[in-house]
Amino acid sequence: MTGVASPSISDLIGAEDAAAVRALADAAAQADGIAPLSEQILINLRHGGDGIVHVVAAADGVVAGYAQLATSGDGAGTAELVVGPRHRRQGIGTALVAAVVARAGGPLEVWAHGEHPGAARLAATHGLTKVRELWQMRRELDEPLPAAEFPEGVRLRAFDPARDEAEFLRVNNAAFDWHPEQGGWGHEQVAQRETEAWFDPAGFLLAVEGDGAGERLLGYHWTKVHPAGAEGPAIGEVYVLGVDPAAQGRRLGGALTIAGLEHLRSHGLDAVMLYVESDNAPAVAVYQRLGFTPWRVHSMYRS
């Protein structure tokens, strides 16, 4: 008989529990072939943040489940959770969701990574409805790429953390003013990612126009390399790609995409992935023309 304790809820998490959660997530990824927690959740584990709530479920004296809730000023909350492979179908997921619902106290959104049947059952149990799908699309890098053709006067260079952050934030927040996760970034979001092991400014490509004080950022392609792990061999990622709305119509998005793919291929990677909203038909069409195909689905459920 497994002894399952009621989940503990805290605004802070100790280093020992945080390490146990990361190990739990690794075990789940190994069992399921997909990471159960997003990058932002893992960043919050390391750095904390305003409105972050940690829910830890223990069984037999070990961390068996974890949920993280991010609350906002308007009372809404977004959560993700993971249950260890050895402790599934024991009510831990139900207890985690119940704890998150109680703490949120308002509208709640819960991400489920991959099409795990247990996630859909858990969502239905708590009256959550699927409202959003994020596609992971992939492309092999040994297939031919068209040339990256930039407009006359536009050049490509690498991001410089010492001088480019403000311009990146200006373009990013203008390009993604509609996006719930990518829009509204500030210094903190950039600084946290610059401390990650994967961060490489050489793979953060900027399309700029002009020189010196007159230089202006038109768009960017921030690439990322995932090392080999539970989800498979090392793979590149179109991490974020954005174009200043004022520079739309100059075909910068396609050129930046290709330039980033060429950069990733130069690192000897065999494949690249990206994430796109399933209902963003124009973006999906662009990526399909470049050889990307749907690979996995990440679903958001809402109360």
C-alpha atoms as a PDB file:
ATOM      1  CA  MET A   1       0.000   0.000   0.000  1.00  0.00           C
ATOM      2  CA  THR A   2       1.427   3.353  -1.015  1.00  0.00           C
ATOM      3  CA  GLY A   3       1.325   6.142   1.559  1.00  0.00           C
ATOM      4  CA  VAL A   4       0.326   9.344  -0.259  1.00  0.00           C
ATOM      5  CA  ALA A   5       0.419  12.560   1.746  1.00  0.00           C
ATOM      6  CA  SER A   6      -1.695  15.620   0.976  1.00  0.00           C
ATOM      7  CA  PRO A   7       0.235  17.978  -1.329  1.00  0.00           C
ATOM      8  CA  SER A   8       2.157  20.780   0.371  1.00  0.00           C
ATOM      9  CA  ILE A   9       1.709  24.273  -1.054  1.00  0.00           C
ATOM     10  CA  SER A  10       4.358  26.991  -0.787  1.00  0.00           C
ATOM     11  CA  ASP A  11       5.478  30.211  -2.447  1.00  0.00           C
ATOM     12  CA  LEU A  12       9.072  28.987  -2.067  1.00  0.00           C
ATOM     13  CA  ILE A  13      10.738  25.647  -2.755  1.00  0.00           C
ATOM     14  CA  GLY A  14      13.927  24.362  -1.155  1.00  0.00           C
ATOM     15  CA  ALA A  15      16.960  23.254  -3.129  1.00  0.00           C
ATOM     16  CA  GLU A  16      16.449  19.598  -2.158  1.00  0.00           C
ATOM     17  CA  ASP A  17      12.822  19.510  -3.317  1.00  0.00           C
ATOM     18  CA  ALA A  18      13.692  21.433  -6.498  1.00  0.00           C
ATOM     19  CA  ALA A  19      16.361  18.854  -7.335  1.00  0.00           C
ATOM     20  CA  ALA A  20      13.854  16.055  -6.646  1.00  0.00           C
ATOM     21  CA  VAL A  21      11.325  17.707  -8.985  1.00  0.00           C
ATOM     22  CA  ARG A  22      13.900  17.925 -11.786  1.00  0.00           C
ATOM     23  CA  ALA A  23      14.753  14.244 -11.288  1.00  0.00           C
ATOM     24  CA  LEU A  24      11.035  13.418 -11.326  1.00  0.00           C
ATOM     25  CA  ALA A  25      10.590  15.308 -14.588  1.00  0.00           C
ATOM     26  CA  ASP A  26      13.552  13.463 -16.107  1.00  0.00           C
ATOM     27  CA  ALA A  27      12.030  10.105 -15.106  1.00  0.00           C
ATOM     28  CA  ALA A  28       8.691  11.079 -16.639  1.00  0.00           C
ATOM     29  CA  ALA A  29      10.387  12.202 -19.856  1.00  0.00           C
ATOM     30  CA  GLN A  30      12.242   8.891 -20.023  1.00  0.00           C
ATOM     31  CA  ALA A  31       8.992   6.958 -19.596  1.00  0.00           C
ATOM     32  CA  ASP A  32       6.833   9.067 -21.915  1.00  0.00           C
ATOM     33  CA  GLY A  33       9.328  10.276 -24.498  1.00  0.00           C
ATOM     34  CA  ILE A  34       8.382  13.907 -23.912  1.00  0.00           C
ATOM     35  CA  ALA A  35       9.288  16.471 -21.260  1.00  0.00           C
ATOM     36  CA  PRO A  36       6.352  17.021 -18.868  1.00  0.00           C
ATOM     37  CA  LEU A  37       7.360  20.540 -17.820  1.00  0.00           C
ATOM     38  CA  SER A  38       8.104  23.533 -20.025  1.00  0.00           C
ATOM     39  CA  GLU A  39      11.275  25.579 -19.935  1.00  0.00           C
ATOM     40  CA  GLN A  40       9.600  28.419 -17.997  1.00  0.00           C
ATOM     41  CA  ILE A  41       8.580  26.028 -15.212  1.00  0.00           C
ATOM     42  CA  LEU A  42      12.180  24.859 -14.808  1.00  0.00           C
ATOM     43  CA  ILE A  43      13.428  28.459 -14.847  1.00  0.00           C
ATOM     44  CA  ASN A  44      10.945  29.285 -12.079  1.00  0.00           C
ATOM     45  CA  LEU A  45      12.262  26.332 -10.084  1.00  0.00           C
ATOM     46  CA  ARG A  46      15.722  27.903 -10.153  1.00  0.00           C
ATOM     47  CA  HIS A  47      14.867  31.590  -9.883  1.00  0.00           C
ATOM     48  CA  GLY A  48      11.395  31.794  -8.344  1.00  0.00           C
ATOM     49  CA  GLY A  49       9.279  34.781  -9.243  1.00  0.00           C
ATOM     50  CA  ASP A  50       6.266  36.839  -8.276  1.00  0.00           C
ATOM     51  CA  GLY A  51       3.041  34.875  -8.190  1.00  0.00           C
ATOM     52  CA  ILE A  52       4.751  31.452  -8.444  1.00  0.00           C
ATOM     53  CA  VAL A  53       3.256  28.714  -6.255  1.00  0.00           C
ATOM     54  CA  HIS A  54       4.839  25.284  -5.807  1.00  0.00           C
ATOM     55  CA  VAL A  55       2.715  22.217  -5.004  1.00  0.00           C
ATOM     56  CA  VAL A  56       4.648  19.096  -3.982  1.00  0.00           C
ATOM     57  CA  ALA A  57       3.057  15.676  -3.439  1.00  0.00           C
ATOM     58  CA  ALA A  58       5.008  13.022  -1.526  1.00  0.00           C
ATOM     59  CA  ALA A  59       4.461   9.271  -1.428  1.00  0.00           C
ATOM     60  CA  ASP A  60       6.465   6.751   0.561  1.00  0.00           C
ATOM     61  CA  GLY A  61       8.767   9.533   1.715  1.00  0.00           C
ATOM     62  CA  VAL A  62       9.769  10.744  -1.786  1.00  0.00           C
ATOM     63  CA  VAL A  63       8.569  13.456  -4.146  1.00  0.00           C
ATOM     64  CA  ALA A  64       6.009  11.700  -6.361  1.00  0.00           C
ATOM     65  CA  GLY A  65       4.272  14.627  -8.021  1.00  0.00           C
ATOM     66  CA  TYR A  66       4.664  18.339  -8.576  1.00  0.00           C
ATOM     67  CA  ALA A  67       2.557  21.201  -9.898  1.00  0.00           C
ATOM     68  CA  GLN A  68       3.489  24.811 -10.435  1.00  0.00           C
ATOM     69  CA  LEU A  69       0.939  27.597 -10.550  1.00  0.00           C
ATOM     70  CA  ALA A  70       1.660  31.063 -11.911  1.00  0.00           C
ATOM     71  CA  THR A  71      -0.914  33.602 -10.779  1.00  0.00           C
ATOM     72  CA  SER A  72      -1.525  37.024 -12.275  1.00  0.00           C
ATOM     73  CA  GLY A  73      -2.947  40.258 -10.946  1.00  0.00           C
ATOM     74  CA  ASP A  74      -6.345  39.636 -12.544  1.00  0.00           C
ATOM     75  CA  GLY A  75      -6.863  36.429 -10.552  1.00  0.00           C
ATOM     76  CA  ALA A  76      -6.196  34.039 -13.429  1.00  0.00           C
ATOM     77  CA  GLY A  77      -3.694  31.209 -13.103  1.00  0.00           C
ATOM     78  CA  THR A  78      -1.676  28.922 -15.368  1.00  0.00           C
ATOM     79  CA  ALA A  79      -0.336  25.565 -14.202  1.00  0.00           C
ATOM     80  CA  GLU A  80       1.685  22.535 -15.275  1.00  0.00           C
ATOM     81  CA  LEU A  81       2.159  19.281 -13.399  1.00  0.00           C
ATOM     82  CA  VAL A  82       3.998  15.975 -13.444  1.00  0.00           C
ATOM     83  CA  VAL A  83       3.470  12.659 -11.671  1.00  0.00           C
ATOM     84  CA  GLY A  84       6.334  10.174 -11.396  1.00  0.00           C
ATOM     85  CA  PRO A  85       5.955   6.990 -13.474  1.00  0.00           C
ATOM     86  CA  ARG A  86       6.025   4.763 -10.353  1.00  0.00           C
ATOM     87  CA  HIS A  87       3.231   6.687  -8.652  1.00  0.00           C
ATOM     88  CA  ARG A  88       0.606   7.067 -11.353  1.00  0.00           C
ATOM     89  CA  ARG A  89      -3.038   6.030 -11.038  1.00  0.00           C
ATOM     90  CA  GLN A  90      -2.872   6.549  -7.275  1.00  0.00           C
ATOM     91  CA  GLY A  91      -4.785   9.824  -7.097  1.00  0.00           C
ATOM     92  CA  ILE A  92      -1.718  12.068  -7.043  1.00  0.00           C
ATOM     93  CA  GLY A  93      -2.593  13.916 -10.247  1.00  0.00           C
ATOM     94  CA  THR A  94      -6.134  14.503  -9.002  1.00  0.00           C
ATOM     95  CA  ALA A  95      -4.804  15.822  -5.688  1.00  0.00           C
ATOM     96  CA  LEU A  96      -2.369  18.157  -7.459  1.00  0.00           C
ATOM     97  CA  VAL A  97      -5.039  19.619  -9.735  1.00  0.00           C
ATOM     98  CA  ALA A  98      -7.448  20.023  -6.808  1.00  0.00           C
ATOM     99  CA  ALA A  99      -4.772  21.884  -4.842  1.00  0.00           C
ATOM    100  CA  VAL A 100      -3.999  24.152  -7.805  1.00  0.00           C
ATOM    101  CA  VAL A 101      -7.694  24.884  -8.424  1.00  0.00           C
ATOM    102  CA  ALA A 102      -8.188  25.775  -4.747  1.00  0.00           C
ATOM    103  CA  ARG A 103      -5.130  28.046  -4.638  1.00  0.00           C
ATOM    104  CA  ALA A 104      -5.886  29.760  -7.965  1.00  0.00           C
ATOM    105  CA  GLY A 105      -9.297  30.885  -6.778  1.00  0.00           C
ATOM    106  CA  GLY A 106     -10.231  32.044 -10.275  1.00  0.00           C
ATOM    107  CA  PRO A 107      -9.993  31.057 -13.953  1.00  0.00           C
ATOM    108  CA  LEU A 108      -7.346  28.372 -14.430  1.00  0.00           C
ATOM    109  CA  GLU A 109      -5.399  27.171 -17.464  1.00  0.00           C
ATOM    110  CA  VAL A 110      -3.437  23.916 -17.364  1.00  0.00           C
ATOM    111  CA  TRP A 111      -0.903  22.770 -19.938  1.00  0.00           C
ATOM    112  CA  ALA A 112      -0.559  19.105 -20.914  1.00  0.00           C
ATOM    113  CA  HIS A 113       2.535  18.266 -22.943  1.00  0.00           C
ATOM    114  CA  GLY A 114       1.911  15.542 -25.485  1.00  0.00           C
ATOM    115  CA  GLU A 115      -1.320  13.665 -26.019  1.00  0.00           C
ATOM    116  CA  HIS A 116      -1.069  11.596 -22.835  1.00  0.00           C
ATOM    117  CA  PRO A 117      -4.479   9.938 -22.242  1.00  0.00           C
ATOM    118  CA  GLY A 118      -4.173  10.514 -18.495  1.00  0.00           C
ATOM    119  CA  ALA A 119      -4.075  14.288 -19.054  1.00  0.00           C
ATOM    120  CA  ALA A 120      -7.369  14.294 -20.927  1.00  0.00           C
ATOM    121  CA  ARG A 121      -9.020  12.148 -18.245  1.00  0.00           C
ATOM    122  CA  LEU A 122      -7.726  14.399 -15.481  1.00  0.00           C
ATOM    123  CA  ALA A 123      -8.943  17.517 -17.284  1.00  0.00           C
ATOM    124  CA  ALA A 124     -12.415  16.036 -17.778  1.00  0.00           C
ATOM    125  CA  THR A 125     -12.607  15.068 -14.101  1.00  0.00           C
ATOM    126  CA  HIS A 126     -12.052  18.689 -13.087  1.00  0.00           C
ATOM    127  CA  GLY A 127     -14.293  20.230 -15.739  1.00  0.00           C
ATOM    128  CA  LEU A 128     -11.440  21.612 -17.828  1.00  0.00           C
ATOM    129  CA  THR A 129     -11.960  22.054 -21.566  1.00  0.00           C
ATOM    130  CA  LYS A 130      -9.291  22.075 -24.277  1.00  0.00           C
ATOM    131  CA  VAL A 131      -9.000  25.621 -25.631  1.00  0.00           C
ATOM    132  CA  ARG A 132      -5.589  25.804 -27.291  1.00  0.00           C
ATOM    133  CA  GLU A 133      -3.157  23.584 -29.164  1.00  0.00           C
ATOM    134  CA  LEU A 134       0.524  24.300 -29.632  1.00  0.00           C
ATOM    135  CA  TRP A 135       2.158  22.222 -32.344  1.00  0.00           C
ATOM    136  CA  GLN A 136       5.730  21.074 -32.281  1.00  0.00           C
ATOM    137  CA  MET A 137       6.875  20.850 -35.903  1.00  0.00           C
ATOM    138  CA  ARG A 138      10.110  19.263 -37.093  1.00  0.00           C
ATOM    139  CA  ARG A 139      12.358  19.229 -40.128  1.00  0.00           C
ATOM    140  CA  GLU A 140      15.447  17.214 -41.055  1.00  0.00           C
ATOM    141  CA  LEU A 141      18.522  19.379 -41.620  1.00  0.00           C
ATOM    142  CA  ASP A 142      20.125  17.152 -44.232  1.00  0.00           C
ATOM    143  CA  GLU A 143      17.477  18.252 -46.727  1.00  0.00           C
ATOM    144  CA  PRO A 144      18.304  21.191 -49.037  1.00  0.00           C
ATOM    145  CA  LEU A 145      17.585  24.730 -47.870  1.00  0.00           C
ATOM    146  CA  PRO A 146      16.833  27.720 -50.095  1.00  0.00           C
ATOM    147  CA  ALA A 147      19.192  30.672 -49.865  1.00  0.00           C
ATOM    148  CA  ALA A 148      18.619  33.236 -47.116  1.00  0.00           C
ATOM    149  CA  GLU A 149      18.014  36.379 -49.168  1.00  0.00           C
ATOM    150  CA  PHE A 150      17.815  39.636 -47.214  1.00  0.00           C
ATOM    151  CA  PRO A 151      16.721  42.986 -48.675  1.00  0.00           C
ATOM    152  CA  GLU A 152      19.456  45.345 -49.814  1.00  0.00           C
ATOM    153  CA  GLY A 153      20.986  47.207 -46.882  1.00  0.00           C
ATOM    154  CA  VAL A 154      19.973  44.577 -44.313  1.00  0.00           C
ATOM    155  CA  ARG A 155      22.758  42.579 -42.697  1.00  0.00           C
ATOM    156  CA  LEU A 156      22.906  39.730 -40.228  1.00  0.00           C
ATOM    157  CA  ARG A 157      24.926  39.759 -37.031  1.00  0.00           C
ATOM    158  CA  ALA A 158      24.995  38.047 -33.646  1.00  0.00           C
ATOM    159  CA  PHE A 159      23.292  39.371 -30.522  1.00  0.00           C
ATOM    160  CA  ASP A 160      25.495  41.297 -28.098  1.00  0.00           C
ATOM    161  CA  PRO A 161      24.096  41.062 -24.532  1.00  0.00           C
ATOM    162  CA  ALA A 162      25.839  44.286 -23.572  1.00  0.00           C
ATOM    163  CA  ARG A 163      24.043  46.490 -26.122  1.00  0.00           C
ATOM    164  CA  ASP A 164      21.176  44.710 -27.863  1.00  0.00           C
ATOM    165  CA  GLU A 165      18.739  43.842 -25.079  1.00  0.00           C
ATOM    166  CA  ALA A 166      16.606  47.004 -25.276  1.00  0.00           C
ATOM    167  CA  GLU A 167      16.183  46.767 -29.057  1.00  0.00           C
ATOM    168  CA  PHE A 168      15.380  43.067 -28.839  1.00  0.00           C
ATOM    169  CA  LEU A 169      12.693  43.759 -26.231  1.00  0.00           C
ATOM    170  CA  ARG A 170      11.228  46.552 -28.347  1.00  0.00           C
ATOM    171  CA  VAL A 171      10.877  44.311 -31.403  1.00  0.00           C
ATOM    172  CA  ASN A 172       9.837  41.214 -29.453  1.00  0.00           C
ATOM    173  CA  ASN A 173       7.075  42.961 -27.552  1.00  0.00           C
ATOM    174  CA  ALA A 174       5.781  44.674 -30.681  1.00  0.00           C
ATOM    175  CA  ALA A 175       5.821  41.425 -32.680  1.00  0.00           C
ATOM    176  CA  PHE A 176       4.177  39.408 -29.896  1.00  0.00           C
ATOM    177  CA  ASP A 177       1.850  41.944 -28.285  1.00  0.00           C
ATOM    178  CA  TRP A 178      -0.936  39.364 -28.776  1.00  0.00           C
ATOM    179  CA  HIS A 179       0.935  36.377 -27.331  1.00  0.00           C
ATOM    180  CA  PRO A 180       0.279  35.280 -23.716  1.00  0.00           C
ATOM    181  CA  GLU A 181       3.766  33.861 -23.083  1.00  0.00           C
ATOM    182  CA  GLN A 182       6.118  35.662 -25.461  1.00  0.00           C
ATOM    183  CA  GLY A 183       4.676  39.168 -25.233  1.00  0.00           C
ATOM    184  CA  GLY A 184       5.338  41.691 -22.482  1.00  0.00           C
ATOM    185  CA  TRP A 185       8.897  40.581 -21.782  1.00  0.00           C
ATOM    186  CA  GLY A 186      11.313  42.605 -19.699  1.00  0.00           C
ATOM    187  CA  HIS A 187      14.947  42.429 -18.612  1.00  0.00           C
ATOM    188  CA  GLU A 188      14.245  39.542 -16.222  1.00  0.00           C
ATOM    189  CA  GLN A 189      13.097  37.139 -18.942  1.00  0.00           C
ATOM    190  CA  VAL A 190      16.196  37.798 -21.044  1.00  0.00           C
ATOM    191  CA  ALA A 191      18.634  37.710 -18.123  1.00  0.00           C
ATOM    192  CA  GLN A 192      17.283  34.382 -16.875  1.00  0.00           C
ATOM    193  CA  ARG A 193      17.813  32.767 -20.272  1.00  0.00           C
ATOM    194  CA  GLU A 194      21.307  34.215 -20.583  1.00  0.00           C
ATOM    195  CA  THR A 195      22.253  32.177 -17.498  1.00  0.00           C
ATOM    196  CA  GLU A 196      21.004  28.915 -19.011  1.00  0.00           C
ATOM    197  CA  ALA A 197      23.623  26.399 -20.157  1.00  0.00           C
ATOM    198  CA  TRP A 198      22.228  26.407 -23.687  1.00  0.00           C
ATOM    199  CA  PHE A 199      22.497  30.164 -24.239  1.00  0.00           C
ATOM    200  CA  ASP A 200      24.852  31.065 -27.098  1.00  0.00           C
ATOM    201  CA  PRO A 201      24.811  34.631 -28.446  1.00  0.00           C
ATOM    202  CA  ALA A 202      26.335  33.372 -31.710  1.00  0.00           C
ATOM    203  CA  GLY A 203      23.048  31.554 -32.337  1.00  0.00           C
ATOM    204  CA  PHE A 204      20.937  34.639 -31.597  1.00  0.00           C
ATOM    205  CA  LEU A 205      20.792  36.207 -35.054  1.00  0.00           C
ATOM    206  CA  LEU A 206      19.783  39.834 -35.649  1.00  0.00           C
ATOM    207  CA  ALA A 207      18.714  41.417 -38.938  1.00  0.00           C
ATOM    208  CA  VAL A 208      19.754  45.061 -38.725  1.00  0.00           C
ATOM    209  CA  GLU A 209      19.738  48.100 -40.984  1.00  0.00           C
ATOM    210  CA  GLY A 210      21.991  51.134 -40.772  1.00  0.00           C
ATOM    211  CA  ASP A 211      25.268  51.636 -38.933  1.00  0.00           C
ATOM    212  CA  GLY A 212      26.498  53.006 -35.650  1.00  0.00           C
ATOM    213  CA  ALA A 213      23.983  55.097 -33.742  1.00  0.00           C
ATOM    214  CA  GLY A 214      21.592  54.823 -36.683  1.00  0.00           C
ATOM    215  CA  GLU A 215      21.452  51.025 -36.626  1.00  0.00           C
ATOM    216  CA  ARG A 216      17.942  49.613 -36.186  1.00  0.00           C
ATOM    217  CA  LEU A 217      16.846  46.085 -35.422  1.00  0.00           C
ATOM    218  CA  LEU A 218      14.295  44.770 -37.920  1.00  0.00           C
ATOM    219  CA  GLY A 219      13.948  41.172 -36.777  1.00  0.00           C
ATOM    220  CA  TYR A 220      15.696  38.305 -35.043  1.00  0.00           C
ATOM    221  CA  HIS A 221      15.985  34.531 -34.918  1.00  0.00           C
ATOM    222  CA  TRP A 222      16.998  33.162 -31.521  1.00  0.00           C
ATOM    223  CA  THR A 223      18.076  29.543 -31.918  1.00  0.00           C
ATOM    224  CA  LYS A 224      18.582  26.912 -29.244  1.00  0.00           C
ATOM    225  CA  VAL A 225      20.302  23.530 -29.099  1.00  0.00           C
ATOM    226  CA  HIS A 226      18.811  20.771 -26.961  1.00  0.00           C
ATOM    227  CA  PRO A 227      21.397  18.159 -25.930  1.00  0.00           C
ATOM    228  CA  ALA A 228      20.686  14.457 -26.370  1.00  0.00           C
ATOM    229  CA  GLY A 229      18.449  13.142 -23.601  1.00  0.00           C
ATOM    230  CA  ALA A 230      15.282  11.250 -22.762  1.00  0.00           C
ATOM    231  CA  GLU A 231      13.473  12.753 -25.759  1.00  0.00           C
ATOM    232  CA  GLY A 232      16.100  11.611 -28.256  1.00  0.00           C
ATOM    233  CA  PRO A 233      19.267  12.859 -30.001  1.00  0.00           C
ATOM    234  CA  ALA A 234      20.450  16.459 -29.863  1.00  0.00           C
ATOM    235  CA  ILE A 235      18.148  18.757 -31.810  1.00  0.00           C
ATOM    236  CA  GLY A 236      18.056  22.414 -32.764  1.00  0.00           C
ATOM    237  CA  GLU A 237      15.132  24.727 -32.159  1.00  0.00           C
ATOM    238  CA  VAL A 238      13.707  27.844 -33.730  1.00  0.00           C
ATOM    239  CA  TYR A 239      13.412  29.212 -30.203  1.00  0.00           C
ATOM    240  CA  VAL A 240      11.887  32.609 -30.987  1.00  0.00           C
ATOM    241  CA  LEU A 241      11.613  34.408 -34.309  1.00  0.00           C
ATOM    242  CA  GLY A 242      10.164  37.885 -34.560  1.00  0.00           C
ATOM    243  CA  VAL A 243       9.938  40.762 -37.024  1.00  0.00           C
ATOM    244  CA  ASP A 244       9.199  44.380 -36.167  1.00  0.00           C
ATOM    245  CA  PRO A 245       5.644  45.074 -37.413  1.00  0.00           C
ATOM    246  CA  ALA A 246       7.022  48.230 -39.040  1.00  0.00           C
ATOM    247  CA  ALA A 247       9.293  46.001 -41.196  1.00  0.00           C
ATOM    248  CA  GLN A 248       6.606  43.552 -42.274  1.00  0.00           C
ATOM    249  CA  GLY A 249       6.319  42.894 -45.991  1.00  0.00           C
ATOM    250  CA  ARG A 250      10.083  42.764 -46.589  1.00  0.00           C
ATOM    251  CA  ARG A 251      10.272  38.949 -46.411  1.00  0.00           C
ATOM    252  CA  LEU A 252      12.514  39.060 -43.366  1.00  0.00           C
ATOM    253  CA  GLY A 253      10.771  36.189 -41.577  1.00  0.00           C
ATOM    254  CA  GLY A 254      11.647  33.616 -44.214  1.00  0.00           C
ATOM    255  CA  ALA A 255      15.235  34.833 -44.595  1.00  0.00           C
ATOM    256  CA  LEU A 256      15.771  34.826 -40.823  1.00  0.00           C
ATOM    257  CA  THR A 257      14.305  31.327 -40.541  1.00  0.00           C
ATOM    258  CA  ILE A 258      16.660  29.957 -43.196  1.00  0.00           C
ATOM    259  CA  ALA A 259      19.687  31.739 -41.706  1.00  0.00           C
ATOM    260  CA  GLY A 260      18.943  30.155 -38.328  1.00  0.00           C
ATOM    261  CA  LEU A 261      18.531  26.706 -39.861  1.00  0.00           C
ATOM    262  CA  GLU A 262      21.872  27.097 -41.609  1.00  0.00           C
ATOM    263  CA  HIS A 263      23.472  28.071 -38.294  1.00  0.00           C
ATOM    264  CA  LEU A 264      22.036  24.997 -36.565  1.00  0.00           C
ATOM    265  CA  ARG A 265      23.127  22.732 -39.413  1.00  0.00           C
ATOM    266  CA  SER A 266      26.669  24.089 -39.104  1.00  0.00           C
ATOM    267  CA  HIS A 267      26.714  22.603 -35.585  1.00  0.00           C
ATOM    268  CA  GLY A 268      26.248  19.110 -37.016  1.00  0.00           C
ATOM    269  CA  LEU A 269      22.631  18.740 -35.923  1.00  0.00           C
ATOM    270  CA  ASP A 270      20.400  16.373 -37.872  1.00  0.00           C
ATOM    271  CA  ALA A 271      17.025  17.973 -37.133  1.00  0.00           C
ATOM    272  CA  VAL A 272      15.320  21.144 -35.930  1.00  0.00           C
ATOM    273  CA  MET A 273      12.000  21.813 -34.233  1.00  0.00           C
ATOM    274  CA  LEU A 274       9.773  24.768 -33.500  1.00  0.00           C
ATOM    275  CA  TYR A 275       6.517  25.553 -31.723  1.00  0.00           C
ATOM    276  CA  VAL A 276       3.572  27.262 -33.381  1.00  0.00           C
ATOM    277  CA  GLU A 277      -0.080  27.837 -32.522  1.00  0.00           C
ATOM    278  CA  SER A 278      -2.130  25.256 -34.418  1.00  0.00           C
ATOM    279  CA  ASP A 279      -4.633  27.906 -35.527  1.00  0.00           C
ATOM    280  CA  ASN A 280      -1.969  30.311 -36.831  1.00  0.00           C
ATOM    281  CA  ALA A 281      -2.575  29.251 -40.435  1.00  0.00           C
ATOM    282  CA  PRO A 282      -0.180  31.765 -42.079  1.00  0.00           C
ATOM    283  CA  ALA A 283       2.749  30.706 -39.859  1.00  0.00           C
ATOM    284  CA  VAL A 284       1.974  27.000 -40.268  1.00  0.00           C
ATOM    285  CA  ALA A 285       1.893  27.468 -44.047  1.00  0.00           C
ATOM    286  CA  VAL A 286       5.290  29.214 -44.037  1.00  0.00           C
ATOM    287  CA  TYR A 287       6.863  26.442 -41.989  1.00  0.00           C
ATOM    288  CA  GLN A 288       5.311  23.730 -44.132  1.00  0.00           C
ATOM    289  CA  ARG A 289       6.796  25.362 -47.245  1.00  0.00           C
ATOM    290  CA  LEU A 290      10.172  25.152 -45.518  1.00  0.00           C
ATOM    291  CA  GLY A 291       9.726  21.413 -44.957  1.00  0.00           C
ATOM    292  CA  PHE A 292       8.415  21.325 -41.380  1.00  0.00           C
ATOM    293  CA  THR A 293       5.725  18.788 -40.466  1.00  0.00           C
ATOM    294  CA  PRO A 294       3.663  18.410 -37.245  1.00  0.00           C
ATOM    295  CA  TRP A 295       5.329  16.153 -34.687  1.00  0.00           C
ATOM    296  CA  ARG A 296       3.605  16.556 -31.305  1.00  0.00           C
ATOM    297  CA  VAL A 297       0.720  18.450 -29.762  1.00  0.00           C
ATOM    298  CA  HIS A 298       0.738  20.399 -26.493  1.00  0.00           C
ATOM    299  CA  SER A 299      -2.742  21.201 -25.196  1.00  0.00           C
ATOM    300  CA  MET A 300      -4.088  23.883 -22.874  1.00  0.00           C
ATOM    301  CA  TYR A 301      -7.191  23.151 -20.819  1.00  0.00           C
ATOM    302  CA  ARG A 302      -9.243  25.894 -19.165  1.00  0.00           C
ATOM    303  CA  SER A 303     -11.767  25.962 -16.361  1.00  0.00           C
END
